[in-house]
Amino acid sequence: LCYYDIQPSVVLIKFLLNVLNFCGFNLNLENCASCGTQLNGDASIDFK
């Protein structure tokens, strides 16, 4: 974030994804968590 030319929001997203993985919440970005179909269009993040 401090020393490289990277969009700050991208650094934050990378950090949050790393922390989620560290805490055991590895998001499945390939398939729908409900029906299992491949995510090949607009999707949604369910906070519940």
ModelCIF file with pLDDT and N, C-alpha, C, O atoms, coordinates in Angstrom:
data_MODEL
#
_entry.id   MODEL 
#
_entity.id                         1 
_entity.type                       polymer 
_entity.pdbx_number_of_molecules   1 
#
_entity_poly.entity_id                      1 
_entity_poly.type                           'polypeptide(L)' 
_entity_poly.nstd_linkage                   no 
_entity_poly.nstd_monomer                   no 
_entity_poly.pdbx_seq_one_letter_code       LCYYDIQPSVVLIKFLLNVLNFCGFNLNLENCASCGTQLNGDASIDFK 
_entity_poly.pdbx_seq_one_letter_code_can   LCYYDIQPSVVLIKFLLNVLNFCGFNLNLENCASCGTQLNGDASIDFK 
_entity_poly.pdbx_strand_id                 A 
#
loop_
_entity_poly_seq.entity_id 
_entity_poly_seq.num 
_entity_poly_seq.mon_id 
_entity_poly_seq.hetero 
1 1  LEU n 
1 2  CYS n 
1 3  TYR n 
1 4  TYR n 
1 5  ASP n 
1 6  ILE n 
1 7  GLN n 
1 8  PRO n 
1 9  SER n 
1 10 VAL n 
1 11 VAL n 
1 12 LEU n 
1 13 ILE n 
1 14 LYS n 
1 15 PHE n 
1 16 LEU n 
1 17 LEU n 
1 18 ASN n 
1 19 VAL n 
1 20 LEU n 
1 21 ASN n 
1 22 PHE n 
1 23 CYS n 
1 24 GLY n 
1 25 PHE n 
1 26 ASN n 
1 27 LEU n 
1 28 ASN n 
1 29 LEU n 
1 30 GLU n 
1 31 ASN n 
1 32 CYS n 
1 33 ALA n 
1 34 SER n 
1 35 CYS n 
1 36 GLY n 
1 37 THR n 
1 38 GLN n 
1 39 LEU n 
1 40 ASN n 
1 41 GLY n 
1 42 ASP n 
1 43 ALA n 
1 44 SER n 
1 45 ILE n 
1 46 ASP n 
1 47 PHE n 
1 48 LYS n 
#
_struct_asym.id          A 
_struct_asym.entity_id   1 
#
loop_
_ma_qa_metric.id 
_ma_qa_metric.mode 
_ma_qa_metric.name 
_ma_qa_metric.software_group_id 
_ma_qa_metric.type 
1 global pLDDT . pLDDT 
2 local  pLDDT . pLDDT 
#
_ma_qa_metric_global.metric_id      1 
_ma_qa_metric_global.metric_value   90.94 
_ma_qa_metric_global.model_id       1 
_ma_qa_metric_global.ordinal_id     1 
#
loop_
_ma_qa_metric_local.label_asym_id 
_ma_qa_metric_local.label_comp_id 
_ma_qa_metric_local.label_seq_id 
_ma_qa_metric_local.metric_id 
_ma_qa_metric_local.metric_value 
_ma_qa_metric_local.model_id 
_ma_qa_metric_local.ordinal_id 
A LEU 1  2 96.00 1 1  
A CYS 2  2 96.00 1 2  
A TYR 3  2 95.00 1 3  
A TYR 4  2 92.00 1 4  
A ASP 5  2 89.00 1 5  
A ILE 6  2 91.00 1 6  
A GLN 7  2 91.00 1 7  
A PRO 8  2 94.00 1 8  
A SER 9  2 92.00 1 9  
A VAL 10 2 92.00 1 10 
A VAL 11 2 95.00 1 11 
A LEU 12 2 95.00 1 12 
A ILE 13 2 93.00 1 13 
A LYS 14 2 94.00 1 14 
A PHE 15 2 96.00 1 15 
A LEU 16 2 94.00 1 16 
A LEU 17 2 92.00 1 17 
A ASN 18 2 94.00 1 18 
A VAL 19 2 94.00 1 19 
A LEU 20 2 89.00 1 20 
A ASN 21 2 88.00 1 21 
A PHE 22 2 91.00 1 22 
A CYS 23 2 87.00 1 23 
A GLY 24 2 84.00 1 24 
A PHE 25 2 81.00 1 25 
A ASN 26 2 81.00 1 26 
A LEU 27 2 83.00 1 27 
A ASN 28 2 89.00 1 28 
A LEU 29 2 91.00 1 29 
A GLU 30 2 92.00 1 30 
A ASN 31 2 93.00 1 31 
A CYS 32 2 92.00 1 32 
A ALA 33 2 91.00 1 33 
A SER 34 2 91.00 1 34 
A CYS 35 2 92.00 1 35 
A GLY 36 2 92.00 1 36 
A THR 37 2 93.00 1 37 
A GLN 38 2 94.00 1 38 
A LEU 39 2 93.00 1 39 
A ASN 40 2 92.00 1 40 
A GLY 41 2 91.00 1 41 
A ASP 42 2 92.00 1 42 
A ALA 43 2 93.00 1 43 
A SER 44 2 91.00 1 44 
A ILE 45 2 90.00 1 45 
A ASP 46 2 88.00 1 46 
A PHE 47 2 83.00 1 47 
A LYS 48 2 83.00 1 48 
#
loop_
_atom_site.group_PDB 
_atom_site.id 
_atom_site.type_symbol 
_atom_site.label_atom_id 
_atom_site.label_alt_id 
_atom_site.label_comp_id 
_atom_site.label_asym_id 
_atom_site.label_entity_id 
_atom_site.label_seq_id 
_atom_site.pdbx_PDB_ins_code 
_atom_site.Cartn_x 
_atom_site.Cartn_y 
_atom_site.Cartn_z 
_atom_site.occupancy 
_atom_site.B_iso_or_equiv 
_atom_site.pdbx_formal_charge 
_atom_site.auth_seq_id 
_atom_site.auth_comp_id 
_atom_site.auth_asym_id 
_atom_site.auth_atom_id 
_atom_site.pdbx_PDB_model_num 
ATOM 1   N N  . LEU A 1 1  ? 0.831   -1.197  0.000   1.00 96.00 ? 1  LEU A N  1 
ATOM 2   C CA . LEU A 1 1  ? 0.000   0.000   0.000   1.00 96.00 ? 1  LEU A CA 1 
ATOM 3   C C  . LEU A 1 1  ? 0.868   1.250   0.000   1.00 96.00 ? 1  LEU A C  1 
ATOM 4   O O  . LEU A 1 1  ? 0.587   2.207   -0.721  1.00 96.00 ? 1  LEU A O  1 
ATOM 5   N N  . CYS A 1 2  ? 1.917   1.240   0.805   1.00 96.00 ? 2  CYS A N  1 
ATOM 6   C CA . CYS A 1 2  ? 2.734   2.441   1.004   1.00 96.00 ? 2  CYS A CA 1 
ATOM 7   C C  . CYS A 1 2  ? 3.743   2.662   -0.112  1.00 96.00 ? 2  CYS A C  1 
ATOM 8   O O  . CYS A 1 2  ? 3.946   3.800   -0.535  1.00 96.00 ? 2  CYS A O  1 
ATOM 9   N N  . TYR A 1 3  ? 4.372   1.612   -0.593  1.00 95.00 ? 3  TYR A N  1 
ATOM 10  C CA . TYR A 1 3  ? 5.548   1.778   -1.437  1.00 95.00 ? 3  TYR A CA 1 
ATOM 11  C C  . TYR A 1 3  ? 5.370   1.341   -2.889  1.00 95.00 ? 3  TYR A C  1 
ATOM 12  O O  . TYR A 1 3  ? 6.307   1.461   -3.679  1.00 95.00 ? 3  TYR A O  1 
ATOM 13  N N  . TYR A 1 4  ? 4.207   0.845   -3.256  1.00 92.00 ? 4  TYR A N  1 
ATOM 14  C CA . TYR A 1 4  ? 4.007   0.373   -4.620  1.00 92.00 ? 4  TYR A CA 1 
ATOM 15  C C  . TYR A 1 4  ? 2.815   1.078   -5.252  1.00 92.00 ? 4  TYR A C  1 
ATOM 16  O O  . TYR A 1 4  ? 1.904   1.532   -4.558  1.00 92.00 ? 4  TYR A O  1 
ATOM 17  N N  . ASP A 1 5  ? 2.835   1.162   -6.553  1.00 89.00 ? 5  ASP A N  1 
ATOM 18  C CA . ASP A 1 5  ? 1.783   1.849   -7.302  1.00 89.00 ? 5  ASP A CA 1 
ATOM 19  C C  . ASP A 1 5  ? 0.637   0.870   -7.581  1.00 89.00 ? 5  ASP A C  1 
ATOM 20  O O  . ASP A 1 5  ? 0.480   0.366   -8.693  1.00 89.00 ? 5  ASP A O  1 
ATOM 21  N N  . ILE A 1 6  ? -0.143  0.624   -6.551  1.00 91.00 ? 6  ILE A N  1 
ATOM 22  C CA . ILE A 1 6  ? -1.301  -0.265  -6.655  1.00 91.00 ? 6  ILE A CA 1 
ATOM 23  C C  . ILE A 1 6  ? -2.517  0.496   -6.135  1.00 91.00 ? 6  ILE A C  1 
ATOM 24  O O  . ILE A 1 6  ? -2.424  1.199   -5.129  1.00 91.00 ? 6  ILE A O  1 
ATOM 25  N N  . GLN A 1 7  ? -3.650  0.363   -6.808  1.00 91.00 ? 7  GLN A N  1 
ATOM 26  C CA . GLN A 1 7  ? -4.872  1.029   -6.356  1.00 91.00 ? 7  GLN A CA 1 
ATOM 27  C C  . GLN A 1 7  ? -5.149  0.638   -4.905  1.00 91.00 ? 7  GLN A C  1 
ATOM 28  O O  . GLN A 1 7  ? -5.207  -0.553  -4.599  1.00 91.00 ? 7  GLN A O  1 
ATOM 29  N N  . PRO A 1 8  ? -5.321  1.609   -4.002  1.00 94.00 ? 8  PRO A N  1 
ATOM 30  C CA . PRO A 1 8  ? -5.525  1.297   -2.585  1.00 94.00 ? 8  PRO A CA 1 
ATOM 31  C C  . PRO A 1 8  ? -6.665  0.323   -2.320  1.00 94.00 ? 8  PRO A C  1 
ATOM 32  O O  . PRO A 1 8  ? -6.550  -0.545  -1.455  1.00 94.00 ? 8  PRO A O  1 
ATOM 33  N N  . SER A 1 9  ? -7.765  0.457   -3.058  1.00 92.00 ? 9  SER A N  1 
ATOM 34  C CA . SER A 1 9  ? -8.894  -0.450  -2.838  1.00 92.00 ? 9  SER A CA 1 
ATOM 35  C C  . SER A 1 9  ? -8.542  -1.888  -3.213  1.00 92.00 ? 9  SER A C  1 
ATOM 36  O O  . SER A 1 9  ? -9.078  -2.828  -2.626  1.00 92.00 ? 9  SER A O  1 
ATOM 37  N N  . VAL A 1 10 ? -7.644  -2.067  -4.186  1.00 92.00 ? 10 VAL A N  1 
ATOM 38  C CA . VAL A 1 10 ? -7.214  -3.402  -4.576  1.00 92.00 ? 10 VAL A CA 1 
ATOM 39  C C  . VAL A 1 10 ? -6.363  -4.028  -3.468  1.00 92.00 ? 10 VAL A C  1 
ATOM 40  O O  . VAL A 1 10 ? -6.493  -5.214  -3.164  1.00 92.00 ? 10 VAL A O  1 
ATOM 41  N N  . VAL A 1 11 ? -5.490  -3.210  -2.870  1.00 95.00 ? 11 VAL A N  1 
ATOM 42  C CA . VAL A 1 11 ? -4.696  -3.701  -1.729  1.00 95.00 ? 11 VAL A CA 1 
ATOM 43  C C  . VAL A 1 11 ? -5.617  -4.115  -0.590  1.00 95.00 ? 11 VAL A C  1 
ATOM 44  O O  . VAL A 1 11 ? -5.408  -5.156  0.033   1.00 95.00 ? 11 VAL A O  1 
ATOM 45  N N  . LEU A 1 12 ? -6.633  -3.307  -0.315  1.00 95.00 ? 12 LEU A N  1 
ATOM 46  C CA . LEU A 1 12 ? -7.565  -3.633  0.764   1.00 95.00 ? 12 LEU A CA 1 
ATOM 47  C C  . LEU A 1 12 ? -8.305  -4.933  0.481   1.00 95.00 ? 12 LEU A C  1 
ATOM 48  O O  . LEU A 1 12 ? -8.471  -5.765  1.373   1.00 95.00 ? 12 LEU A O  1 
ATOM 49  N N  . ILE A 1 13 ? -8.749  -5.108  -0.759  1.00 93.00 ? 13 ILE A N  1 
ATOM 50  C CA . ILE A 1 13 ? -9.452  -6.350  -1.121  1.00 93.00 ? 13 ILE A CA 1 
ATOM 51  C C  . ILE A 1 13 ? -8.532  -7.554  -0.964  1.00 93.00 ? 13 ILE A C  1 
ATOM 52  O O  . ILE A 1 13 ? -8.939  -8.580  -0.418  1.00 93.00 ? 13 ILE A O  1 
ATOM 53  N N  . LYS A 1 14 ? -7.289  -7.436  -1.442  1.00 94.00 ? 14 LYS A N  1 
ATOM 54  C CA . LYS A 1 14 ? -6.327  -8.530  -1.306  1.00 94.00 ? 14 LYS A CA 1 
ATOM 55  C C  . LYS A 1 14 ? -6.085  -8.850  0.164   1.00 94.00 ? 14 LYS A C  1 
ATOM 56  O O  . LYS A 1 14 ? -6.044  -10.019 0.550   1.00 94.00 ? 14 LYS A O  1 
ATOM 57  N N  . PHE A 1 15 ? -5.925  -7.823  0.975   1.00 96.00 ? 15 PHE A N  1 
ATOM 58  C CA . PHE A 1 15 ? -5.733  -8.007  2.419   1.00 96.00 ? 15 PHE A CA 1 
ATOM 59  C C  . PHE A 1 15 ? -6.924  -8.714  3.056   1.00 96.00 ? 15 PHE A C  1 
ATOM 60  O O  . PHE A 1 15 ? -6.748  -9.656  3.829   1.00 96.00 ? 15 PHE A O  1 
ATOM 61  N N  . LEU A 1 16 ? -8.145  -8.261  2.731   1.00 94.00 ? 16 LEU A N  1 
ATOM 62  C CA . LEU A 1 16 ? -9.343  -8.860  3.328   1.00 94.00 ? 16 LEU A CA 1 
ATOM 63  C C  . LEU A 1 16 ? -9.512  -10.317 2.895   1.00 94.00 ? 16 LEU A C  1 
ATOM 64  O O  . LEU A 1 16 ? -9.896  -11.163 3.703   1.00 94.00 ? 16 LEU A O  1 
ATOM 65  N N  . LEU A 1 17 ? -9.228  -10.610 1.633   1.00 92.00 ? 17 LEU A N  1 
ATOM 66  C CA . LEU A 1 17 ? -9.301  -11.995 1.168   1.00 92.00 ? 17 LEU A CA 1 
ATOM 67  C C  . LEU A 1 17 ? -8.282  -12.859 1.899   1.00 92.00 ? 17 LEU A C  1 
ATOM 68  O O  . LEU A 1 17 ? -8.583  -13.992 2.275   1.00 92.00 ? 17 LEU A O  1 
ATOM 69  N N  . ASN A 1 18 ? -7.081  -12.330 2.101   1.00 94.00 ? 18 ASN A N  1 
ATOM 70  C CA . ASN A 1 18 ? -6.055  -13.075 2.832   1.00 94.00 ? 18 ASN A CA 1 
ATOM 71  C C  . ASN A 1 18 ? -6.465  -13.328 4.277   1.00 94.00 ? 18 ASN A C  1 
ATOM 72  O O  . ASN A 1 18 ? -6.250  -14.414 4.815   1.00 94.00 ? 18 ASN A O  1 
ATOM 73  N N  . VAL A 1 19 ? -7.064  -12.300 4.903   1.00 94.00 ? 19 VAL A N  1 
ATOM 74  C CA . VAL A 1 19 ? -7.488  -12.454 6.301   1.00 94.00 ? 19 VAL A CA 1 
ATOM 75  C C  . VAL A 1 19 ? -8.649  -13.435 6.410   1.00 94.00 ? 19 VAL A C  1 
ATOM 76  O O  . VAL A 1 19 ? -8.696  -14.240 7.340   1.00 94.00 ? 19 VAL A O  1 
ATOM 77  N N  . LEU A 1 20 ? -9.588  -13.372 5.466   1.00 89.00 ? 20 LEU A N  1 
ATOM 78  C CA . LEU A 1 20 ? -10.694 -14.331 5.476   1.00 89.00 ? 20 LEU A CA 1 
ATOM 79  C C  . LEU A 1 20 ? -10.173 -15.756 5.345   1.00 89.00 ? 20 LEU A C  1 
ATOM 80  O O  . LEU A 1 20 ? -10.637 -16.658 6.042   1.00 89.00 ? 20 LEU A O  1 
ATOM 81  N N  . ASN A 1 21 ? -9.213  -15.956 4.456   1.00 88.00 ? 21 ASN A N  1 
ATOM 82  C CA . ASN A 1 21 ? -8.598  -17.274 4.316   1.00 88.00 ? 21 ASN A CA 1 
ATOM 83  C C  . ASN A 1 21 ? -7.901  -17.687 5.609   1.00 88.00 ? 21 ASN A C  1 
ATOM 84  O O  . ASN A 1 21 ? -7.997  -18.840 6.029   1.00 88.00 ? 21 ASN A O  1 
ATOM 85  N N  . PHE A 1 22 ? -7.198  -16.742 6.240   1.00 91.00 ? 22 PHE A N  1 
ATOM 86  C CA . PHE A 1 22 ? -6.502  -17.001 7.502   1.00 91.00 ? 22 PHE A CA 1 
ATOM 87  C C  . PHE A 1 22 ? -7.484  -17.432 8.595   1.00 91.00 ? 22 PHE A C  1 
ATOM 88  O O  . PHE A 1 22 ? -7.176  -18.303 9.408   1.00 91.00 ? 22 PHE A O  1 
ATOM 89  N N  . CYS A 1 23 ? -8.670  -16.811 8.605   1.00 87.00 ? 23 CYS A N  1 
ATOM 90  C CA . CYS A 1 23 ? -9.676  -17.117 9.628   1.00 87.00 ? 23 CYS A CA 1 
ATOM 91  C C  . CYS A 1 23 ? -10.534 -18.338 9.286   1.00 87.00 ? 23 CYS A C  1 
ATOM 92  O O  . CYS A 1 23 ? -11.407 -18.725 10.063  1.00 87.00 ? 23 CYS A O  1 
ATOM 93  N N  . GLY A 1 24 ? -10.282 -18.937 8.131   1.00 84.00 ? 24 GLY A N  1 
ATOM 94  C CA . GLY A 1 24 ? -11.029 -20.137 7.758   1.00 84.00 ? 24 GLY A CA 1 
ATOM 95  C C  . GLY A 1 24 ? -12.264 -19.874 6.922   1.00 84.00 ? 24 GLY A C  1 
ATOM 96  O O  . GLY A 1 24 ? -13.068 -20.781 6.705   1.00 84.00 ? 24 GLY A O  1 
ATOM 97  N N  . PHE A 1 25 ? -12.432 -18.631 6.444   1.00 81.00 ? 25 PHE A N  1 
ATOM 98  C CA . PHE A 1 25 ? -13.587 -18.295 5.611   1.00 81.00 ? 25 PHE A CA 1 
ATOM 99  C C  . PHE A 1 25 ? -13.132 -18.109 4.165   1.00 81.00 ? 25 PHE A C  1 
ATOM 100 O O  . PHE A 1 25 ? -13.148 -16.997 3.636   1.00 81.00 ? 25 PHE A O  1 
ATOM 101 N N  . ASN A 1 26 ? -12.734 -19.193 3.542   1.00 81.00 ? 26 ASN A N  1 
ATOM 102 C CA . ASN A 1 26 ? -12.239 -19.146 2.166   1.00 81.00 ? 26 ASN A CA 1 
ATOM 103 C C  . ASN A 1 26 ? -13.425 -19.085 1.211   1.00 81.00 ? 26 ASN A C  1 
ATOM 104 O O  . ASN A 1 26 ? -14.113 -20.083 0.997   1.00 81.00 ? 26 ASN A O  1 
ATOM 105 N N  . LEU A 1 27 ? -13.660 -17.898 0.636   1.00 83.00 ? 27 LEU A N  1 
ATOM 106 C CA . LEU A 1 27 ? -14.821 -17.716 -0.224  1.00 83.00 ? 27 LEU A CA 1 
ATOM 107 C C  . LEU A 1 27 ? -14.704 -18.564 -1.486  1.00 83.00 ? 27 LEU A C  1 
ATOM 108 O O  . LEU A 1 27 ? -13.655 -18.600 -2.130  1.00 83.00 ? 27 LEU A O  1 
ATOM 109 N N  . ASN A 1 28 ? -15.784 -19.238 -1.825  1.00 89.00 ? 28 ASN A N  1 
ATOM 110 C CA . ASN A 1 28 ? -15.860 -19.983 -3.086  1.00 89.00 ? 28 ASN A CA 1 
ATOM 111 C C  . ASN A 1 28 ? -16.332 -19.013 -4.164  1.00 89.00 ? 28 ASN A C  1 
ATOM 112 O O  . ASN A 1 28 ? -17.500 -18.626 -4.204  1.00 89.00 ? 28 ASN A O  1 
ATOM 113 N N  . LEU A 1 29 ? -15.408 -18.633 -5.030  1.00 91.00 ? 29 LEU A N  1 
ATOM 114 C CA . LEU A 1 29 ? -15.715 -17.669 -6.085  1.00 91.00 ? 29 LEU A CA 1 
ATOM 115 C C  . LEU A 1 29 ? -15.980 -18.344 -7.420  1.00 91.00 ? 29 LEU A C  1 
ATOM 116 O O  . LEU A 1 29 ? -16.083 -17.676 -8.449  1.00 91.00 ? 29 LEU A O  1 
ATOM 117 N N  . GLU A 1 30 ? -16.090 -19.665 -7.404  1.00 92.00 ? 30 GLU A N  1 
ATOM 118 C CA . GLU A 1 30 ? -16.300 -20.433 -8.627  1.00 92.00 ? 30 GLU A CA 1 
ATOM 119 C C  . GLU A 1 30 ? -17.730 -20.928 -8.785  1.00 92.00 ? 30 GLU A C  1 
ATOM 120 O O  . GLU A 1 30 ? -18.257 -20.956 -9.898  1.00 92.00 ? 30 GLU A O  1 
ATOM 121 N N  . ASN A 1 31 ? -18.364 -21.320 -7.680  1.00 93.00 ? 31 ASN A N  1 
ATOM 122 C CA . ASN A 1 31 ? -19.693 -21.923 -7.740  1.00 93.00 ? 31 ASN A CA 1 
ATOM 123 C C  . ASN A 1 31 ? -20.629 -21.304 -6.711  1.00 93.00 ? 31 ASN A C  1 
ATOM 124 O O  . ASN A 1 31 ? -20.199 -20.874 -5.641  1.00 93.00 ? 31 ASN A O  1 
ATOM 125 N N  . CYS A 1 32 ? -21.904 -21.267 -7.049  1.00 92.00 ? 32 CYS A N  1 
ATOM 126 C CA . CYS A 1 32 ? -22.925 -20.738 -6.146  1.00 92.00 ? 32 CYS A CA 1 
ATOM 127 C C  . CYS A 1 32 ? -22.975 -21.576 -4.874  1.00 92.00 ? 32 CYS A C  1 
ATOM 128 O O  . CYS A 1 32 ? -22.995 -22.805 -4.936  1.00 92.00 ? 32 CYS A O  1 
ATOM 129 N N  . ALA A 1 33 ? -22.995 -20.914 -3.723  1.00 91.00 ? 33 ALA A N  1 
ATOM 130 C CA . ALA A 1 33 ? -23.028 -21.619 -2.445  1.00 91.00 ? 33 ALA A CA 1 
ATOM 131 C C  . ALA A 1 33 ? -24.364 -22.305 -2.193  1.00 91.00 ? 33 ALA A C  1 
ATOM 132 O O  . ALA A 1 33 ? -24.453 -23.186 -1.338  1.00 91.00 ? 33 ALA A O  1 
ATOM 133 N N  . SER A 1 34 ? -25.417 -21.910 -2.935  1.00 91.00 ? 34 SER A N  1 
ATOM 134 C CA . SER A 1 34 ? -26.742 -22.516 -2.726  1.00 91.00 ? 34 SER A CA 1 
ATOM 135 C C  . SER A 1 34 ? -27.030 -23.651 -3.696  1.00 91.00 ? 34 SER A C  1 
ATOM 136 O O  . SER A 1 34 ? -27.332 -24.769 -3.279  1.00 91.00 ? 34 SER A O  1 
ATOM 137 N N  . CYS A 1 35 ? -26.938 -23.366 -4.985  1.00 92.00 ? 35 CYS A N  1 
ATOM 138 C CA . CYS A 1 35 ? -27.338 -24.373 -5.978  1.00 92.00 ? 35 CYS A CA 1 
ATOM 139 C C  . CYS A 1 35 ? -26.154 -25.075 -6.635  1.00 92.00 ? 35 CYS A C  1 
ATOM 140 O O  . CYS A 1 35 ? -26.330 -26.084 -7.317  1.00 92.00 ? 35 CYS A O  1 
ATOM 141 N N  . GLY A 1 36 ? -24.950 -24.546 -6.434  1.00 92.00 ? 36 GLY A N  1 
ATOM 142 C CA . GLY A 1 36 ? -23.761 -25.199 -6.955  1.00 92.00 ? 36 GLY A CA 1 
ATOM 143 C C  . GLY A 1 36 ? -23.413 -24.901 -8.399  1.00 92.00 ? 36 GLY A C  1 
ATOM 144 O O  . GLY A 1 36 ? -22.399 -25.391 -8.896  1.00 92.00 ? 36 GLY A O  1 
ATOM 145 N N  . THR A 1 37 ? -24.224 -24.113 -9.085  1.00 93.00 ? 37 THR A N  1 
ATOM 146 C CA . THR A 1 37 ? -23.927 -23.807 -10.489 1.00 93.00 ? 37 THR A CA 1 
ATOM 147 C C  . THR A 1 37 ? -22.708 -22.903 -10.599 1.00 93.00 ? 37 THR A C  1 
ATOM 148 O O  . THR A 1 37 ? -22.390 -22.155 -9.674  1.00 93.00 ? 37 THR A O  1 
ATOM 149 N N  . GLN A 1 38 ? -22.033 -22.980 -11.733 1.00 94.00 ? 38 GLN A N  1 
ATOM 150 C CA . GLN A 1 38 ? -20.841 -22.158 -11.942 1.00 94.00 ? 38 GLN A CA 1 
ATOM 151 C C  . GLN A 1 38 ? -21.227 -20.693 -12.025 1.00 94.00 ? 38 GLN A C  1 
ATOM 152 O O  . GLN A 1 38 ? -22.232 -20.337 -12.642 1.00 94.00 ? 38 GLN A O  1 
ATOM 153 N N  . LEU A 1 39 ? -20.424 -19.849 -11.402 1.00 93.00 ? 39 LEU A N  1 
ATOM 154 C CA . LEU A 1 39 ? -20.690 -18.413 -11.407 1.00 93.00 ? 39 LEU A CA 1 
ATOM 155 C C  . LEU A 1 39 ? -20.122 -17.811 -12.692 1.00 93.00 ? 39 LEU A C  1 
ATOM 156 O O  . LEU A 1 39 ? -18.929 -17.520 -12.775 1.00 93.00 ? 39 LEU A O  1 
ATOM 157 N N  . ASN A 1 40 ? -20.980 -17.628 -13.683 1.00 92.00 ? 40 ASN A N  1 
ATOM 158 C CA . ASN A 1 40 ? -20.550 -17.094 -14.981 1.00 92.00 ? 40 ASN A CA 1 
ATOM 159 C C  . ASN A 1 40 ? -21.345 -15.859 -15.392 1.00 92.00 ? 40 ASN A C  1 
ATOM 160 O O  . ASN A 1 40 ? -21.495 -15.563 -16.578 1.00 92.00 ? 40 ASN A O  1 
ATOM 161 N N  . GLY A 1 41 ? -21.848 -15.148 -14.391 1.00 91.00 ? 41 GLY A N  1 
ATOM 162 C CA . GLY A 1 41 ? -22.582 -13.909 -14.628 1.00 91.00 ? 41 GLY A CA 1 
ATOM 163 C C  . GLY A 1 41 ? -22.618 -13.108 -13.336 1.00 91.00 ? 41 GLY A C  1 
ATOM 164 O O  . GLY A 1 41 ? -21.894 -13.415 -12.389 1.00 91.00 ? 41 GLY A O  1 
ATOM 165 N N  . ASP A 1 42 ? -23.473 -12.068 -13.296 1.00 92.00 ? 42 ASP A N  1 
ATOM 166 C CA . ASP A 1 42 ? -23.607 -11.298 -12.064 1.00 92.00 ? 42 ASP A CA 1 
ATOM 167 C C  . ASP A 1 42 ? -23.966 -12.232 -10.913 1.00 92.00 ? 42 ASP A C  1 
ATOM 168 O O  . ASP A 1 42 ? -24.794 -13.131 -11.059 1.00 92.00 ? 42 ASP A O  1 
ATOM 169 N N  . ALA A 1 43 ? -23.323 -12.002 -9.758  1.00 93.00 ? 43 ALA A N  1 
ATOM 170 C CA . ALA A 1 43 ? -23.543 -12.852 -8.586  1.00 93.00 ? 43 ALA A CA 1 
ATOM 171 C C  . ALA A 1 43 ? -23.962 -11.963 -7.413  1.00 93.00 ? 43 ALA A C  1 
ATOM 172 O O  . ALA A 1 43 ? -24.324 -10.802 -7.602  1.00 93.00 ? 43 ALA A O  1 
ATOM 173 N N  . SER A 1 44 ? -23.908 -12.513 -6.220  1.00 91.00 ? 44 SER A N  1 
ATOM 174 C CA . SER A 1 44 ? -24.252 -11.747 -5.031  1.00 91.00 ? 44 SER A CA 1 
ATOM 175 C C  . SER A 1 44 ? -23.429 -12.236 -3.848  1.00 91.00 ? 44 SER A C  1 
ATOM 176 O O  . SER A 1 44 ? -23.054 -13.406 -3.769  1.00 91.00 ? 44 SER A O  1 
ATOM 177 N N  . ILE A 1 45 ? -23.159 -11.320 -2.939  1.00 90.00 ? 45 ILE A N  1 
ATOM 178 C CA . ILE A 1 45 ? -22.492 -11.664 -1.679  1.00 90.00 ? 45 ILE A CA 1 
ATOM 179 C C  . ILE A 1 45 ? -23.553 -11.645 -0.589  1.00 90.00 ? 45 ILE A C  1 
ATOM 180 O O  . ILE A 1 45 ? -24.171 -10.612 -0.330  1.00 90.00 ? 45 ILE A O  1 
ATOM 181 N N  . ASP A 1 46 ? -23.761 -12.791 0.046   1.00 88.00 ? 46 ASP A N  1 
ATOM 182 C CA . ASP A 1 46 ? -24.784 -12.921 1.077   1.00 88.00 ? 46 ASP A CA 1 
ATOM 183 C C  . ASP A 1 46 ? -24.133 -12.751 2.444   1.00 88.00 ? 46 ASP A C  1 
ATOM 184 O O  . ASP A 1 46 ? -23.304 -13.566 2.848   1.00 88.00 ? 46 ASP A O  1 
ATOM 185 N N  . PHE A 1 47 ? -24.511 -11.691 3.152   1.00 83.00 ? 47 PHE A N  1 
ATOM 186 C CA . PHE A 1 47 ? -23.903 -11.394 4.444   1.00 83.00 ? 47 PHE A CA 1 
ATOM 187 C C  . PHE A 1 47 ? -24.491 -12.241 5.576   1.00 83.00 ? 47 PHE A C  1 
ATOM 188 O O  . PHE A 1 47 ? -23.955 -12.255 6.683   1.00 83.00 ? 47 PHE A O  1 
ATOM 189 N N  . LYS A 1 48 ? -25.592 -12.948 5.300   1.00 83.00 ? 48 LYS A N  1 
ATOM 190 C CA . LYS A 1 48 ? -26.178 -13.796 6.336   1.00 83.00 ? 48 LYS A CA 1 
ATOM 191 C C  . LYS A 1 48 ? -25.324 -15.024 6.585   1.00 83.00 ? 48 LYS A C  1 
ATOM 192 O O  . LYS A 1 48 ? -25.666 -15.853 7.428   1.00 83.00 ? 48 LYS A O  1 
#
